[in-house]
Amino acid sequence: LQEQRQRKMLRNRKHLLKKLQEEECLLLPDMHIALIGISEGIHARAVYDKDICIDILEDSMMLDKESAIMYFYTSLMGALEGDNTPLIVETI
């Protein structure tokens, strides 16, 4: 059962990535693990989990939590402009 779920998740991820390419959505480099979906509407956009993005920054840049959060808001969020740019969501 777990193996079936993993295969389904992989198929869904491949479908999601294909749809993001078709819609010409911008993707965040090195944040594929944080990618959780695609938005609906006039402009489709890649959707990322904020907390996972921050965790990735901590690990990949060897930052403490506070520095990763600061980098996230100043360098990552500050650069996101336009119709096809990713959405960042805080999950519950």
C-alpha atoms as a PDB file:
ATOM      1  CA  LEU A   1       0.000   0.000   0.000  1.00  0.00           C
ATOM      2  CA  GLN A   2       2.808   2.416   0.857  1.00  0.00           C
ATOM      3  CA  GLU A   3       4.551   1.602  -2.428  1.00  0.00           C
ATOM      4  CA  GLN A   4       1.318   2.335  -4.340  1.00  0.00           C
ATOM      5  CA  ARG A   5       1.019   5.712  -2.581  1.00  0.00           C
ATOM      6  CA  GLN A   6       4.615   6.580  -3.469  1.00  0.00           C
ATOM      7  CA  ARG A   7       4.007   5.705  -7.142  1.00  0.00           C
ATOM      8  CA  LYS A   8       0.822   7.807  -7.167  1.00  0.00           C
ATOM      9  CA  MET A   9       2.658  10.758  -5.582  1.00  0.00           C
ATOM     10  CA  LEU A  10       5.404  10.481  -8.204  1.00  0.00           C
ATOM     11  CA  ARG A  11       2.846  10.402 -11.048  1.00  0.00           C
ATOM     12  CA  ASN A  12       1.055  13.424  -9.539  1.00  0.00           C
ATOM     13  CA  ARG A  13       4.355  15.329  -9.199  1.00  0.00           C
ATOM     14  CA  LYS A  14       5.284  14.567 -12.819  1.00  0.00           C
ATOM     15  CA  HIS A  15       1.835  15.743 -13.952  1.00  0.00           C
ATOM     16  CA  LEU A  16       2.176  18.890 -11.840  1.00  0.00           C
ATOM     17  CA  LEU A  17       5.612  19.733 -13.265  1.00  0.00           C
ATOM     18  CA  LYS A  18       4.339  19.186 -16.819  1.00  0.00           C
ATOM     19  CA  LYS A  19       1.372  21.495 -16.193  1.00  0.00           C
ATOM     20  CA  LEU A  20       3.645  24.146 -14.651  1.00  0.00           C
ATOM     21  CA  GLN A  21       5.838  24.035 -17.776  1.00  0.00           C
ATOM     22  CA  GLU A  22       2.819  24.266 -20.091  1.00  0.00           C
ATOM     23  CA  GLU A  23       1.558  27.311 -18.179  1.00  0.00           C
ATOM     24  CA  GLU A  24       5.055  28.871 -18.276  1.00  0.00           C
ATOM     25  CA  CYS A  25       5.108  29.231 -14.493  1.00  0.00           C
ATOM     26  CA  LEU A  26       8.303  30.411 -12.877  1.00  0.00           C
ATOM     27  CA  LEU A  27       9.832  27.923 -10.456  1.00  0.00           C
ATOM     28  CA  LEU A  28      12.056  28.625  -7.485  1.00  0.00           C
ATOM     29  CA  PRO A  29      15.525  27.141  -7.985  1.00  0.00           C
ATOM     30  CA  ASP A  30      16.445  24.322  -5.591  1.00  0.00           C
ATOM     31  CA  MET A  31      13.001  24.411  -3.910  1.00  0.00           C
ATOM     32  CA  HIS A  32      11.380  21.426  -5.654  1.00  0.00           C
ATOM     33  CA  ILE A  33      10.772  19.675  -2.326  1.00  0.00           C
ATOM     34  CA  ALA A  34       8.694  22.653  -1.140  1.00  0.00           C
ATOM     35  CA  LEU A  35       6.518  22.648  -4.284  1.00  0.00           C
ATOM     36  CA  ILE A  36       3.012  21.670  -3.175  1.00  0.00           C
ATOM     37  CA  GLY A  37       0.738  22.579  -6.060  1.00  0.00           C
ATOM     38  CA  ILE A  38      -0.443  24.896  -8.787  1.00  0.00           C
ATOM     39  CA  SER A  39      -2.901  27.760  -8.423  1.00  0.00           C
ATOM     40  CA  GLU A  40      -6.087  28.063 -10.438  1.00  0.00           C
ATOM     41  CA  GLY A  41      -7.254  31.216 -12.145  1.00  0.00           C
ATOM     42  CA  ILE A  42      -6.306  33.549 -14.960  1.00  0.00           C
ATOM     43  CA  HIS A  43      -2.597  33.030 -14.297  1.00  0.00           C
ATOM     44  CA  ALA A  44      -1.529  29.617 -13.045  1.00  0.00           C
ATOM     45  CA  ARG A  45       1.292  29.815 -10.517  1.00  0.00           C
ATOM     46  CA  ALA A  46       3.523  27.341  -8.726  1.00  0.00           C
ATOM     47  CA  VAL A  47       2.647  27.091  -5.033  1.00  0.00           C
ATOM     48  CA  TYR A  48       5.302  26.491  -2.363  1.00  0.00           C
ATOM     49  CA  ASP A  49       5.173  25.739   1.363  1.00  0.00           C
ATOM     50  CA  LYS A  50       6.855  28.619   3.240  1.00  0.00           C
ATOM     51  CA  ASP A  51       8.162  26.525   6.138  1.00  0.00           C
ATOM     52  CA  ILE A  52       9.725  23.946   3.838  1.00  0.00           C
ATOM     53  CA  CYS A  53      11.379  26.740   1.829  1.00  0.00           C
ATOM     54  CA  ILE A  54      12.911  28.110   5.033  1.00  0.00           C
ATOM     55  CA  ASP A  55      14.073  24.624   6.070  1.00  0.00           C
ATOM     56  CA  ILE A  56      15.734  24.181   2.671  1.00  0.00           C
ATOM     57  CA  LEU A  57      17.523  27.522   3.060  1.00  0.00           C
ATOM     58  CA  GLU A  58      18.746  26.493   6.506  1.00  0.00           C
ATOM     59  CA  ASP A  59      20.181  23.248   5.173  1.00  0.00           C
ATOM     60  CA  SER A  60      21.523  24.356   1.811  1.00  0.00           C
ATOM     61  CA  MET A  61      23.056  27.624   2.999  1.00  0.00           C
ATOM     62  CA  MET A  62      23.976  26.377   6.479  1.00  0.00           C
ATOM     63  CA  LEU A  63      22.025  29.187   8.154  1.00  0.00           C
ATOM     64  CA  ASP A  64      20.423  29.304  11.565  1.00  0.00           C
ATOM     65  CA  LYS A  65      16.617  29.590  11.603  1.00  0.00           C
ATOM     66  CA  GLU A  66      16.572  33.362  12.124  1.00  0.00           C
ATOM     67  CA  SER A  67      19.025  34.009   9.271  1.00  0.00           C
ATOM     68  CA  ALA A  68      17.092  31.677   6.960  1.00  0.00           C
ATOM     69  CA  ILE A  69      13.853  33.547   7.715  1.00  0.00           C
ATOM     70  CA  MET A  70      15.551  36.895   7.077  1.00  0.00           C
ATOM     71  CA  TYR A  71      16.995  35.644   3.782  1.00  0.00           C
ATOM     72  CA  PHE A  72      13.617  34.196   2.793  1.00  0.00           C
ATOM     73  CA  TYR A  73      11.806  37.512   3.226  1.00  0.00           C
ATOM     74  CA  THR A  74      14.485  39.833   1.862  1.00  0.00           C
ATOM     75  CA  SER A  75      16.042  37.870  -0.990  1.00  0.00           C
ATOM     76  CA  LEU A  76      13.371  35.392  -2.030  1.00  0.00           C
ATOM     77  CA  MET A  77      10.024  37.062  -1.348  1.00  0.00           C
ATOM     78  CA  GLY A  78      11.373  40.467  -2.331  1.00  0.00           C
ATOM     79  CA  ALA A  79      12.203  39.188  -5.814  1.00  0.00           C
ATOM     80  CA  LEU A  80       8.786  37.700  -6.598  1.00  0.00           C
ATOM     81  CA  GLU A  81       6.877  39.980  -8.955  1.00  0.00           C
ATOM     82  CA  GLY A  82       4.675  39.364 -11.965  1.00  0.00           C
ATOM     83  CA  ASP A  83       1.837  37.169 -13.131  1.00  0.00           C
ATOM     84  CA  ASN A  84       3.727  33.874 -13.351  1.00  0.00           C
ATOM     85  CA  THR A  85       5.783  34.158 -10.173  1.00  0.00           C
ATOM     86  CA  PRO A  86       5.270  31.549  -7.459  1.00  0.00           C
ATOM     87  CA  LEU A  87       2.876  31.832  -4.560  1.00  0.00           C
ATOM     88  CA  ILE A  88       4.191  31.081  -1.092  1.00  0.00           C
ATOM     89  CA  VAL A  89       1.692  29.755   1.433  1.00  0.00           C
ATOM     90  CA  GLU A  90       1.780  29.088   5.136  1.00  0.00           C
ATOM     91  CA  THR A  91       0.200  25.728   5.809  1.00  0.00           C
ATOM     92  CA  ILE A  92      -1.768  24.705   8.877  1.00  0.00           C
END
